Amino acid sequence: MRTDENGLRIEPESLRNDPWQRTKRGPEIRIRRSTRIATGIPTGKRPGRLLLLTFTVATALTLAGCGPEVDRDDGTPGAGERRLEIWAHAGREDERRTLEAQIDRFQAERSEVRIDLTWIPEGSYNGQVQAAALAGRLPDLLEFDGPYLYSYAWQGHLRPLDDLLPEAIHADLLPSILAQGRYRDRLFGLGTFDSGLGLWANRAHLEAANARIPQGPDDAWSTEELSDLLERLAQDDPDGQVLDLKLNYTGEWFSYAFAPLLQSAGGDLVDREPEGVASGTLDGPKSVAAMTEVQSWIRQGRVDPNLDDAAFTRGRVPLAWGGHWNYPGYRAALGEDLLLLPLPRMGETMVTGQGSWQWGITRRARDPELAMDFLAFLLRPEEVLAMSAANGGVPATRSAVGQSEAYGPEGPLHLFARQLEEGYARPRPRTPAYPVISDAFDRAFQDIRHGTDPAEALSQAARRIDRELRENHHYPEIADEPGDEPGDTHKAKRDQHRSRAGGQVGVVSRDAPVGGQPLGEGFPTFGRREGSPPTRDGHAG
């Protein structure tokens, strides 16, 4: 295995351009040259194996007591110095370089500020955060995959942002960003980009089939129209397979991509009322009807299994369920024939997915105002556009969308921004139980695609979700009491609650692993089925 001068693994070119493979094998990590490089936090799985790689923009930071001794300062701010410790996920190299450059620009404006940045591999991110939280070692500013916000907030690790966020920035944020960042009517997270979900199409094939081309989310095909179109397209297709549902993806993809169809039909993954459960909603007649429709496309032979992740780019299918990350490869393959369309609607209105990585300020932040100053800097239009250019995500603010060549009114991806702005996107269920909800639906989807009756598969998933919610008493809110240190009573009371519920202290969900693959966003970090060859045709984020 090749390594660089710092002993870090260098991935082959094929894997550096293939985020699906990086999710399975661990991301490529490069550390920009700094005066010192530090390592820390052994995983505990293999003695001495270090997964956390740290660099400091000014000098290096090593977590106290969590790794080998290295030459470093004592972490005490100098006279007049303000310190900010940041943890971020080690995603694409372009994203890492962009964030580093943004930190440099912020520090150039604020000479009194020193920022310590820690990169954590995506595959172990949540596990590292949970371990640090239990040890009382969270940073000031923390990046996390969207759906994890709700468990972090419930566990008391995050402070609300409502009193810190400038009104002008609040007014500029897309509604989807605010929706994802809210938990129990308080804002805990802010993202600088969002994701887009839609239906990619080959214009030439649609015109040949005399298909109606939707002009926007309010003009989406009904599932009946789509099913009829699939049959017409299949008549001129060698194997009759004309739709790519990304069945080669794994994990969070199925909740992210197909829950909107349930919601359009009037169903959902779970009843979103405070004491709501999944039974009667996930396995209700509307959700069952939506998944029965999907199963019919597969049973009738209209869906390409897409084992090589190239069904659309190689012309085997004219329609593909997908997102913003597909655009570069699809555009290169189809050129002017590439169309972006809304997902089909099962009811009166179509629904689309949303969500990505976001930032939160921890309860133990030494200088919350400085942390918000940095977030406000990241949300300047030019900085939002810089990150959007790096990962392909939808810009998080209206002002940045308006200036974006890709997502602006005349841009090829404007539909994604419009869906997020106009309320067609729906956040994933805002509950600490979401990892279990997502995994239960994923398993149900796999059973359904292989022929299990949708009502039976969804009912089994609903029972599992209900058990998680009830055993944890629907994750009751536990407020701090006057005089408590921030986070201390949250931790003690939540530990006590989980003990009564029979759960594991510090674990997001009793039924979900602490570590493992991030839930996805941002470009959603979905995996690829085992045995699938690496390809450069992946998402942009």
Protein backbone atom coordinates (compact mmCIF):
# COMPACT_ATOMS: atom_id res chain seq x y z
CA MET A 1 0.00 0.00 0.00
CA ARG A 2 1.42 3.41 -0.95
CA THR A 3 1.85 6.04 1.75
CA ASP A 4 2.97 9.66 1.68
CA GLU A 5 5.78 11.31 3.64
CA ASN A 6 3.56 11.46 6.74
CA GLY A 7 2.75 7.75 6.66
CA LEU A 8 -0.82 8.33 5.43
CA ARG A 9 -2.40 5.99 2.91
CA ILE A 10 -2.61 7.18 -0.70
CA GLU A 11 -5.63 5.67 -2.46
CA PRO A 12 -5.47 4.60 -6.12
CA GLU A 13 -6.86 7.19 -8.55
CA SER A 14 -9.96 5.08 -9.21
CA LEU A 15 -10.92 5.13 -5.53
CA ARG A 16 -10.14 8.82 -5.03
CA ASN A 17 -12.79 9.56 -7.63
CA ASP A 18 -15.26 7.01 -6.31
CA PRO A 19 -16.90 8.09 -3.04
CA TRP A 20 -18.93 4.90 -2.83
CA GLN A 21 -15.79 2.80 -2.57
CA ARG A 22 -14.22 5.28 -0.15
CA THR A 23 -17.19 4.83 2.15
CA LYS A 24 -16.49 1.10 2.38
CA ARG A 25 -12.71 1.23 2.64
CA GLY A 26 -12.27 4.49 4.54
CA PRO A 27 -11.60 7.89 3.03
CA GLU A 28 -8.33 9.06 1.61
CA ILE A 29 -6.88 11.47 4.12
CA ARG A 30 -4.27 14.04 3.27
CA ILE A 31 -3.09 16.59 5.78
CA ARG A 32 -1.90 19.95 4.64
CA ARG A 33 1.66 20.75 5.69
CA SER A 34 1.70 22.40 9.13
CA THR A 35 4.33 22.85 11.77
CA ARG A 36 3.24 19.72 13.59
CA ILE A 37 1.00 16.75 12.94
CA ALA A 38 -0.73 14.90 15.74
CA THR A 39 -2.60 11.62 16.06
CA GLY A 40 -5.03 10.49 18.72
CA ILE A 41 -8.04 8.51 19.96
CA PRO A 42 -7.34 4.78 19.59
CA THR A 43 -10.44 2.97 18.42
CA GLY A 44 -10.23 0.20 21.00
CA LYS A 45 -11.00 -2.37 18.31
CA ARG A 46 -7.37 -3.05 17.49
CA PRO A 47 -4.66 -2.12 20.01
CA GLY A 48 -2.76 0.92 18.89
CA ARG A 49 -4.83 1.54 15.76
CA LEU A 50 -5.36 5.27 15.35
CA LEU A 51 -8.28 6.52 13.31
CA LEU A 52 -8.31 10.18 14.27
CA LEU A 53 -5.85 12.32 12.35
CA THR A 54 -5.45 15.90 13.45
CA PHE A 55 -3.80 19.01 12.16
CA THR A 56 -3.96 22.53 13.46
CA VAL A 57 -4.09 25.50 11.15
CA ALA A 58 -1.57 27.31 13.35
CA THR A 59 0.03 24.37 15.20
CA ALA A 60 -1.11 20.86 16.09
CA LEU A 61 -3.67 19.87 18.70
CA THR A 62 -3.70 16.47 20.39
CA LEU A 63 -6.62 15.40 22.56
CA ALA A 64 -5.36 15.10 26.12
CA GLY A 65 -4.99 11.53 27.32
CA CYS A 66 -6.09 10.05 23.98
CA GLY A 67 -2.93 9.05 22.18
CA PRO A 68 0.84 9.13 22.09
CA GLU A 69 2.67 12.16 23.38
CA VAL A 70 3.80 14.63 20.73
CA ASP A 71 5.44 18.03 20.85
CA ARG A 72 2.66 20.52 21.37
CA ASP A 73 1.67 23.57 23.35
CA ASP A 74 -0.49 23.32 26.45
CA GLY A 75 -3.60 24.61 24.65
CA THR A 76 -3.81 27.73 26.82
CA PRO A 77 -4.84 30.82 24.81
CA GLY A 78 -2.28 33.60 24.77
CA ALA A 79 -3.03 37.14 25.86
CA GLY A 80 -5.91 38.48 23.76
CA GLU A 81 -6.14 35.25 21.79
CA ARG A 82 -9.49 33.57 21.12
CA ARG A 83 -9.47 29.85 20.40
CA LEU A 84 -11.92 27.76 18.41
CA GLU A 85 -11.69 23.97 18.19
CA ILE A 86 -13.47 22.41 15.19
CA TRP A 87 -14.13 18.80 14.21
CA ALA A 88 -15.16 18.01 10.63
CA HIS A 89 -15.63 14.87 8.53
CA ALA A 90 -12.82 13.91 6.17
CA GLY A 91 -14.90 13.83 3.00
CA ARG A 92 -13.75 14.60 -0.51
CA GLU A 93 -10.34 16.19 -0.91
CA ASP A 94 -11.89 19.25 -2.57
CA GLU A 95 -14.13 19.76 0.47
CA ARG A 96 -11.21 19.50 2.86
CA ARG A 97 -9.11 21.98 0.90
CA THR A 98 -12.05 24.37 0.69
CA LEU A 99 -12.68 24.33 4.44
CA GLU A 100 -8.99 24.82 5.15
CA ALA A 101 -8.93 27.81 2.81
CA GLN A 102 -12.04 29.22 4.46
CA ILE A 103 -10.38 28.96 7.86
CA ASP A 104 -7.34 30.79 6.50
CA ARG A 105 -9.54 33.58 5.15
CA PHE A 106 -11.43 33.88 8.43
CA GLN A 107 -8.21 34.07 10.45
CA ALA A 108 -6.83 36.68 8.06
CA GLU A 109 -9.80 38.88 8.98
CA ARG A 110 -9.60 38.03 12.68
CA SER A 111 -5.96 38.12 13.72
CA GLU A 112 -6.84 37.40 17.36
CA VAL A 113 -8.42 34.05 16.47
CA ARG A 114 -6.66 30.70 16.42
CA ILE A 115 -8.55 27.72 14.97
CA ASP A 116 -7.68 24.08 15.64
CA LEU A 117 -9.21 21.80 13.00
CA THR A 118 -9.53 18.02 13.38
CA TRP A 119 -10.46 15.73 10.48
CA ILE A 120 -12.28 12.50 11.37
CA PRO A 121 -12.88 9.69 8.82
CA GLU A 122 -16.52 9.45 7.72
CA GLY A 123 -16.86 5.76 8.47
CA SER A 124 -16.08 6.17 12.18
CA TYR A 125 -17.34 9.71 12.66
CA ASN A 126 -20.36 9.13 14.87
CA GLY A 127 -18.50 6.59 16.98
CA GLN A 128 -15.64 9.02 17.58
CA VAL A 129 -18.07 11.80 18.52
CA GLN A 130 -19.98 9.57 20.93
CA ALA A 131 -16.77 8.41 22.58
CA ALA A 132 -15.54 11.98 22.95
CA ALA A 133 -18.91 13.08 24.35
CA LEU A 134 -18.78 10.40 27.03
CA ALA A 135 -15.25 11.54 27.91
CA GLY A 136 -16.31 15.20 28.03
CA ARG A 137 -13.95 16.06 25.14
CA LEU A 138 -16.21 17.50 22.46
CA PRO A 139 -14.89 20.52 20.54
CA ASP A 140 -16.47 23.97 20.34
CA LEU A 141 -17.86 23.49 16.83
CA LEU A 142 -18.92 20.11 15.50
CA GLU A 143 -19.90 18.97 12.02
CA PHE A 144 -22.33 16.05 11.78
CA ASP A 145 -24.51 14.26 9.27
CA GLY A 146 -28.00 15.76 9.39
CA PRO A 147 -30.06 12.97 10.97
CA TYR A 148 -27.60 12.62 13.87
CA LEU A 149 -28.51 16.11 15.07
CA TYR A 150 -31.56 14.82 16.90
CA SER A 151 -29.67 12.31 19.03
CA TYR A 152 -26.88 14.79 19.77
CA ALA A 153 -29.41 17.45 20.76
CA TRP A 154 -31.44 15.02 22.87
CA GLN A 155 -28.30 13.82 24.63
CA GLY A 156 -27.56 17.43 25.57
CA HIS A 157 -24.36 17.80 23.55
CA LEU A 158 -25.52 20.81 21.51
CA ARG A 159 -26.61 24.29 22.52
CA PRO A 160 -29.53 26.02 20.75
CA LEU A 161 -28.51 28.60 18.15
CA ASP A 162 -31.62 30.77 18.18
CA ASP A 163 -30.08 33.47 20.39
CA LEU A 164 -26.83 33.57 18.39
CA LEU A 165 -27.95 33.46 14.74
CA PRO A 166 -28.17 36.93 13.14
CA GLU A 167 -31.64 37.65 11.78
CA ALA A 168 -30.30 38.58 8.34
CA ILE A 169 -28.69 35.14 7.97
CA HIS A 170 -31.82 33.41 9.28
CA ALA A 171 -33.89 35.17 6.64
CA ASP A 172 -31.44 34.16 3.90
CA LEU A 173 -31.35 30.44 4.69
CA LEU A 174 -33.35 28.01 2.58
CA PRO A 175 -36.39 26.61 4.45
CA SER A 176 -34.95 23.10 4.16
CA ILE A 177 -31.81 24.11 6.07
CA LEU A 178 -33.86 25.48 8.93
CA ALA A 179 -36.18 22.45 8.91
CA GLN A 180 -33.30 19.99 9.14
CA GLY A 181 -31.62 21.95 11.91
CA ARG A 182 -34.64 22.14 14.23
CA TYR A 183 -35.38 19.74 17.05
CA ARG A 184 -38.35 20.35 19.37
CA ASP A 185 -38.83 23.92 18.14
CA ARG A 186 -35.23 24.99 18.70
CA LEU A 187 -32.50 25.44 16.11
CA PHE A 188 -29.45 23.26 16.82
CA GLY A 189 -27.79 22.93 13.41
CA LEU A 190 -26.85 24.95 10.34
CA GLY A 191 -25.65 23.62 7.00
CA THR A 192 -23.87 25.48 4.24
CA PHE A 193 -25.28 23.20 1.55
CA ASP A 194 -28.18 20.81 1.01
CA SER A 195 -28.89 17.88 -1.28
CA GLY A 196 -31.14 17.48 -4.30
CA LEU A 197 -33.20 14.47 -5.34
CA GLY A 198 -35.01 14.00 -8.63
CA LEU A 199 -35.46 11.94 -11.78
CA TRP A 200 -32.82 12.14 -14.50
CA ALA A 201 -34.02 11.55 -18.07
CA ASN A 202 -32.74 11.17 -21.61
CA ARG A 203 -34.57 13.79 -23.67
CA ALA A 204 -34.22 11.95 -26.98
CA HIS A 205 -35.88 8.81 -25.60
CA LEU A 206 -38.75 10.76 -24.02
CA GLU A 207 -39.43 12.63 -27.23
CA ALA A 208 -39.35 9.40 -29.21
CA ALA A 209 -41.96 7.97 -26.83
CA ASN A 210 -44.03 11.16 -27.16
CA ALA A 211 -43.81 11.65 -23.39
CA ARG A 212 -45.04 14.75 -21.61
CA ILE A 213 -42.06 16.55 -20.05
CA PRO A 214 -42.86 18.07 -16.61
CA GLN A 215 -41.95 21.74 -16.28
CA GLY A 216 -41.50 21.78 -12.51
CA PRO A 217 -42.44 20.17 -9.18
CA ASP A 218 -46.03 21.36 -9.53
CA ASP A 219 -46.21 19.54 -12.88
CA ALA A 220 -44.73 16.19 -11.86
CA TRP A 221 -45.82 12.92 -13.43
CA SER A 222 -48.23 10.84 -11.41
CA THR A 223 -47.05 7.30 -10.73
CA GLU A 224 -49.73 6.15 -13.18
CA GLU A 225 -48.17 8.33 -15.89
CA LEU A 226 -44.71 7.03 -15.05
CA SER A 227 -45.84 3.40 -15.12
CA ASP A 228 -47.49 3.93 -18.50
CA LEU A 229 -44.34 5.62 -19.81
CA LEU A 230 -42.16 2.74 -18.61
CA GLU A 231 -44.25 0.35 -20.70
CA ARG A 232 -43.98 2.55 -23.80
CA LEU A 233 -40.23 2.95 -23.38
CA ALA A 234 -39.84 -0.80 -22.84
CA GLN A 235 -41.36 -1.56 -26.25
CA ASP A 236 -38.25 -0.15 -27.94
CA ASP A 237 -35.72 -1.42 -25.40
CA PRO A 238 -33.79 -4.68 -25.95
CA ASP A 239 -34.34 -6.06 -22.43
CA GLY A 240 -37.28 -3.95 -21.31
CA GLN A 241 -35.31 -2.47 -18.41
CA VAL A 242 -35.73 1.30 -18.66
CA LEU A 243 -35.46 2.65 -15.09
CA ASP A 244 -32.54 2.89 -12.67
CA LEU A 245 -33.54 3.03 -8.98
CA LYS A 246 -29.91 2.83 -7.77
CA LEU A 247 -30.46 -0.66 -6.38
CA ASN A 248 -26.67 -0.94 -6.21
CA TYR A 249 -26.56 1.70 -3.48
CA THR A 250 -26.77 0.66 0.17
CA GLY A 251 -27.80 2.01 3.53
CA GLU A 252 -29.41 5.42 3.82
CA TRP A 253 -30.19 5.70 0.11
CA PHE A 254 -33.48 3.82 0.36
CA SER A 255 -34.95 5.99 3.13
CA TYR A 256 -33.65 9.16 1.51
CA ALA A 257 -34.83 8.27 -1.97
CA PHE A 258 -38.15 6.46 -1.43
CA ALA A 259 -39.64 7.88 1.76
CA PRO A 260 -40.72 10.87 -0.40
CA LEU A 261 -42.91 8.55 -2.45
CA LEU A 262 -44.59 7.28 0.72
CA GLN A 263 -45.08 10.87 1.88
CA SER A 264 -46.52 11.93 -1.46
CA ALA A 265 -49.04 9.10 -1.12
CA GLY A 266 -50.03 10.33 2.34
CA GLY A 267 -47.94 7.86 4.33
CA ASP A 268 -44.56 8.20 6.03
CA LEU A 269 -41.85 6.31 7.86
CA VAL A 270 -43.42 7.17 11.22
CA ASP A 271 -46.21 9.30 12.66
CA ARG A 272 -44.44 12.57 13.47
CA GLU A 273 -46.55 13.55 16.45
CA PRO A 274 -44.62 13.61 19.78
CA GLU A 275 -45.95 10.21 20.84
CA GLY A 276 -46.36 8.89 17.31
CA VAL A 277 -45.38 5.38 16.25
CA ALA A 278 -44.73 3.67 12.94
CA SER A 279 -47.62 1.21 13.05
CA GLY A 280 -50.56 2.54 11.10
CA THR A 281 -48.32 4.94 9.16
CA LEU A 282 -45.37 3.00 7.74
CA ASP A 283 -47.56 -0.08 7.27
CA GLY A 284 -50.74 1.88 6.56
CA PRO A 285 -52.58 1.51 3.24
CA LYS A 286 -51.01 4.61 1.66
CA SER A 287 -47.43 3.60 2.38
CA VAL A 288 -48.19 0.03 1.30
CA ALA A 289 -49.66 1.31 -1.97
CA ALA A 290 -46.51 3.33 -2.69
CA MET A 291 -44.19 0.39 -2.13
CA THR A 292 -46.50 -1.91 -4.08
CA GLU A 293 -46.06 0.45 -7.04
CA VAL A 294 -42.28 0.31 -6.73
CA GLN A 295 -42.38 -3.47 -6.46
CA SER A 296 -44.50 -3.65 -9.62
CA TRP A 297 -41.81 -1.82 -11.62
CA ILE A 298 -39.26 -4.38 -10.46
CA ARG A 299 -41.52 -7.42 -10.98
CA GLN A 300 -42.42 -6.35 -14.49
CA GLY A 301 -38.76 -6.18 -15.42
CA ARG A 302 -38.61 -2.43 -15.91
CA VAL A 303 -35.75 -1.78 -13.44
CA ASP A 304 -32.09 -2.27 -14.31
CA PRO A 305 -30.16 -3.73 -11.31
CA ASN A 306 -27.33 -1.32 -12.21
CA LEU A 307 -24.57 -3.55 -10.87
CA ASP A 308 -21.93 -1.49 -12.66
CA ASP A 309 -23.43 1.87 -11.59
CA ALA A 310 -23.56 2.87 -15.26
CA ALA A 311 -27.06 1.97 -16.45
CA PHE A 312 -27.87 5.58 -17.32
CA THR A 313 -24.49 6.77 -18.59
CA ARG A 314 -24.10 3.77 -20.90
CA GLY A 315 -27.55 4.25 -22.36
CA ARG A 316 -29.17 1.10 -21.01
CA VAL A 317 -31.98 3.10 -19.36
CA PRO A 318 -33.52 6.49 -20.22
CA LEU A 319 -34.70 7.25 -16.65
CA ALA A 320 -32.74 7.26 -13.39
CA TRP A 321 -33.70 8.07 -9.79
CA GLY A 322 -30.81 10.15 -8.41
CA GLY A 323 -29.46 13.36 -7.03
CA HIS A 324 -27.22 16.35 -7.50
CA TRP A 325 -24.06 14.22 -7.19
CA ASN A 326 -24.93 12.43 -10.45
CA TYR A 327 -24.85 15.59 -12.55
CA PRO A 328 -21.16 15.72 -13.62
CA GLY A 329 -21.09 12.15 -14.93
CA TYR A 330 -24.55 12.30 -16.46
CA ARG A 331 -23.86 15.60 -18.20
CA ALA A 332 -20.61 14.26 -19.61
CA ALA A 333 -22.42 11.20 -20.98
CA LEU A 334 -25.60 12.79 -22.37
CA GLY A 335 -24.76 16.43 -23.02
CA GLU A 336 -27.78 18.46 -24.12
CA ASP A 337 -30.01 15.39 -23.97
CA LEU A 338 -29.83 15.35 -20.17
CA LEU A 339 -33.03 16.38 -18.40
CA LEU A 340 -33.65 16.89 -14.68
CA LEU A 341 -37.26 16.18 -13.68
CA PRO A 342 -39.13 16.02 -10.36
CA LEU A 343 -39.89 12.68 -8.77
CA PRO A 344 -43.32 11.29 -9.59
CA ARG A 345 -46.20 12.04 -7.26
CA MET A 346 -48.34 9.36 -5.68
CA GLY A 347 -50.92 11.82 -4.38
CA GLU A 348 -51.81 15.44 -5.09
CA THR A 349 -48.26 16.78 -4.60
CA MET A 350 -44.80 15.40 -5.20
CA VAL A 351 -42.33 15.23 -2.30
CA THR A 352 -38.55 15.19 -2.48
CA GLY A 353 -35.69 14.44 -0.11
CA GLN A 354 -33.34 16.83 1.60
CA GLY A 355 -30.55 16.94 4.15
CA SER A 356 -26.80 16.90 4.41
CA TRP A 357 -23.94 17.63 6.79
CA GLN A 358 -24.36 20.58 9.13
CA TRP A 359 -22.67 22.41 11.98
CA GLY A 360 -23.58 22.65 15.64
CA ILE A 361 -22.10 24.46 18.64
CA THR A 362 -21.54 22.17 21.59
CA ARG A 363 -22.71 22.94 25.11
CA ARG A 364 -19.11 22.99 26.28
CA ALA A 365 -18.03 25.59 23.73
CA ARG A 366 -15.70 28.10 25.39
CA ASP A 367 -16.72 30.96 23.11
CA PRO A 368 -20.13 30.34 21.47
CA GLU A 369 -20.18 33.84 19.98
CA LEU A 370 -16.90 33.18 18.17
CA ALA A 371 -18.24 29.85 16.91
CA MET A 372 -21.29 31.64 15.49
CA ASP A 373 -19.05 34.30 13.94
CA PHE A 374 -17.27 31.53 12.05
CA LEU A 375 -20.56 29.97 10.95
CA ALA A 376 -21.76 33.38 9.78
CA PHE A 377 -18.55 33.65 7.76
CA LEU A 378 -19.16 30.23 6.16
CA LEU A 379 -22.67 31.41 5.23
CA ARG A 380 -21.49 34.44 3.27
CA PRO A 381 -22.58 33.98 -0.36
CA GLU A 382 -19.05 33.66 -1.70
CA GLU A 383 -18.14 31.04 0.92
CA VAL A 384 -21.34 29.05 0.38
CA LEU A 385 -20.60 29.02 -3.35
CA ALA A 386 -17.01 27.92 -2.72
CA MET A 387 -18.18 24.84 -0.83
CA SER A 388 -20.94 24.16 -3.36
CA ALA A 389 -18.33 24.20 -6.10
CA ALA A 390 -16.22 21.74 -4.10
CA ASN A 391 -18.91 19.15 -3.37
CA GLY A 392 -21.70 19.94 -5.82
CA GLY A 393 -24.30 20.46 -3.09
CA VAL A 394 -27.20 22.91 -3.28
CA PRO A 395 -26.16 26.29 -1.81
CA ALA A 396 -27.78 26.83 1.58
CA THR A 397 -28.79 30.47 1.17
CA ARG A 398 -31.06 32.30 -1.21
CA SER A 399 -28.40 34.88 -2.00
CA ALA A 400 -25.90 32.16 -2.97
CA VAL A 401 -28.48 30.30 -5.06
CA GLY A 402 -29.20 33.51 -6.93
CA GLN A 403 -25.51 33.85 -7.83
CA SER A 404 -24.96 30.18 -8.68
CA GLU A 405 -24.46 29.24 -12.32
CA ALA A 406 -25.66 25.69 -11.62
CA TYR A 407 -28.56 26.34 -9.22
CA GLY A 408 -29.65 29.87 -10.15
CA PRO A 409 -32.87 30.59 -12.12
CA GLU A 410 -31.25 29.72 -15.45
CA GLY A 411 -29.03 26.93 -14.17
CA PRO A 412 -29.34 23.25 -15.14
CA LEU A 413 -29.90 22.23 -11.49
CA HIS A 414 -32.35 24.96 -10.53
CA LEU A 415 -35.08 22.38 -9.93
CA PHE A 416 -33.22 21.12 -6.87
CA ALA A 417 -33.07 24.62 -5.36
CA ARG A 418 -36.69 25.32 -6.26
CA GLN A 419 -37.88 22.14 -4.55
CA LEU A 420 -36.05 23.12 -1.35
CA GLU A 421 -37.27 26.72 -1.48
CA GLU A 422 -40.91 26.02 -2.28
CA GLY A 423 -41.59 23.42 0.39
CA TYR A 424 -41.58 20.20 -1.64
CA ALA A 425 -38.75 18.76 0.49
CA ARG A 426 -39.45 17.04 3.77
CA PRO A 427 -36.83 16.45 6.49
CA ARG A 428 -36.23 12.96 7.74
CA PRO A 429 -38.02 12.13 11.02
CA ARG A 430 -36.59 14.39 13.72
CA THR A 431 -36.07 11.82 16.46
CA PRO A 432 -33.04 10.12 18.07
CA ALA A 433 -34.59 6.88 16.83
CA TYR A 434 -33.88 7.77 13.20
CA PRO A 435 -30.97 5.31 12.74
CA VAL A 436 -33.35 2.48 13.63
CA ILE A 437 -36.13 3.92 11.46
CA SER A 438 -33.83 4.15 8.46
CA ASP A 439 -32.35 0.68 8.92
CA ALA A 440 -35.78 -0.87 9.39
CA PHE A 441 -37.04 0.68 6.15
CA ASP A 442 -33.88 -0.34 4.30
CA ARG A 443 -34.45 -3.97 5.33
CA ALA A 444 -38.11 -3.74 4.34
CA PHE A 445 -37.15 -2.32 0.94
CA GLN A 446 -34.75 -5.18 0.30
CA ASP A 447 -37.44 -7.72 1.20
CA ILE A 448 -39.97 -5.98 -1.04
CA ARG A 449 -37.64 -5.82 -4.03
CA HIS A 450 -37.10 -9.57 -3.69
CA GLY A 451 -40.81 -10.34 -3.66
CA THR A 452 -42.05 -10.10 -0.06
CA ASP A 453 -45.56 -8.71 0.27
CA PRO A 454 -45.14 -4.95 0.97
CA ALA A 455 -47.75 -5.01 3.76
CA GLU A 456 -45.87 -7.80 5.55
CA ALA A 457 -42.43 -6.21 5.13
CA LEU A 458 -43.57 -2.76 6.25
CA SER A 459 -45.48 -4.18 9.20
CA GLN A 460 -42.36 -5.95 10.44
CA ALA A 461 -40.37 -2.72 10.08
CA ALA A 462 -43.07 -0.76 11.93
CA ARG A 463 -43.01 -3.17 14.87
CA ARG A 464 -39.25 -2.81 15.19
CA ILE A 465 -39.46 0.99 15.15
CA ASP A 466 -42.31 1.00 17.68
CA ARG A 467 -40.28 -1.15 20.02
CA GLU A 468 -37.38 1.31 19.84
CA LEU A 469 -39.63 4.30 20.53
CA ARG A 470 -41.54 2.70 23.38
CA GLU A 471 -38.51 1.26 25.13
CA ASN A 472 -37.06 4.77 25.15
CA HIS A 473 -40.36 6.42 26.14
CA HIS A 474 -40.28 8.41 22.89
CA TYR A 475 -37.09 10.14 24.07
CA PRO A 476 -38.64 12.58 26.55
CA GLU A 477 -37.19 16.06 26.83
CA ILE A 478 -35.05 16.46 29.94
CA ALA A 479 -34.43 20.12 30.70
CA ASP A 480 -31.51 21.55 32.61
CA GLU A 481 -32.28 22.82 36.06
CA PRO A 482 -31.21 26.28 37.31
CA GLY A 483 -27.59 26.30 38.43
CA ASP A 484 -26.60 23.17 36.54
CA GLU A 485 -23.41 23.15 34.53
CA PRO A 486 -24.22 22.95 30.80
CA GLY A 487 -24.46 19.34 29.72
CA ASP A 488 -23.73 17.74 33.11
CA THR A 489 -27.31 17.06 34.15
CA HIS A 490 -28.26 16.30 30.56
CA LYS A 491 -25.75 13.46 30.57
CA ALA A 492 -26.69 12.15 34.02
CA LYS A 493 -30.44 12.31 33.42
CA ARG A 494 -30.21 10.74 29.98
CA ASP A 495 -27.97 8.00 31.34
CA GLN A 496 -30.55 7.38 34.05
CA HIS A 497 -33.36 7.38 31.49
CA ARG A 498 -31.60 4.89 29.22
CA SER A 499 -30.84 2.68 32.20
CA ARG A 500 -34.54 2.57 33.08
CA ALA A 501 -35.37 1.90 29.43
CA GLY A 502 -32.91 -0.97 29.22
CA GLY A 503 -30.76 0.84 26.66
CA GLN A 504 -27.03 1.38 26.40
CA VAL A 505 -25.75 4.62 27.84
CA GLY A 506 -24.23 6.90 25.24
CA VAL A 507 -25.51 5.00 22.22
CA VAL A 508 -27.74 6.86 19.80
CA SER A 509 -30.14 3.95 19.66
CA ARG A 510 -30.18 0.64 21.46
CA ASP A 511 -30.79 -1.03 18.11
CA ALA A 512 -28.11 0.82 16.17
CA PRO A 513 -24.30 0.64 16.26
CA VAL A 514 -22.35 3.52 17.70
CA GLY A 515 -19.98 3.70 14.75
CA GLY A 516 -20.53 2.62 11.19
CA GLN A 517 -21.45 4.46 8.06
CA PRO A 518 -22.73 8.02 8.28
CA LEU A 519 -26.41 8.44 7.54
CA GLY A 520 -25.89 10.38 4.52
CA GLU A 521 -26.43 13.50 3.23
CA GLY A 522 -24.61 15.52 1.68
CA PHE A 523 -24.24 14.46 -0.54
CA PRO A 524 -25.38 11.41 0.64
CA THR A 525 -22.69 9.00 1.79
CA PHE A 526 -24.46 5.92 0.47
CA GLY A 527 -22.51 2.75 -0.09
CA ARG A 528 -22.28 0.46 -3.09
CA ARG A 529 -23.28 -3.19 -3.20
CA GLU A 530 -20.49 -5.66 -2.59
CA GLY A 531 -18.88 -6.90 -5.77
CA SER A 532 -19.61 -3.75 -7.71
CA PRO A 533 -16.54 -2.52 -9.60
CA PRO A 534 -15.12 0.94 -8.91
CA THR A 535 -16.24 3.64 -11.30
CA ARG A 536 -15.74 7.35 -11.71
CA ASP A 537 -19.43 7.85 -12.22
CA GLY A 538 -20.28 8.83 -8.65
CA HIS A 539 -21.86 11.73 -6.82
CA ALA A 540 -20.32 15.16 -6.56
CA GLY A 541 -20.39 15.37 -2.82
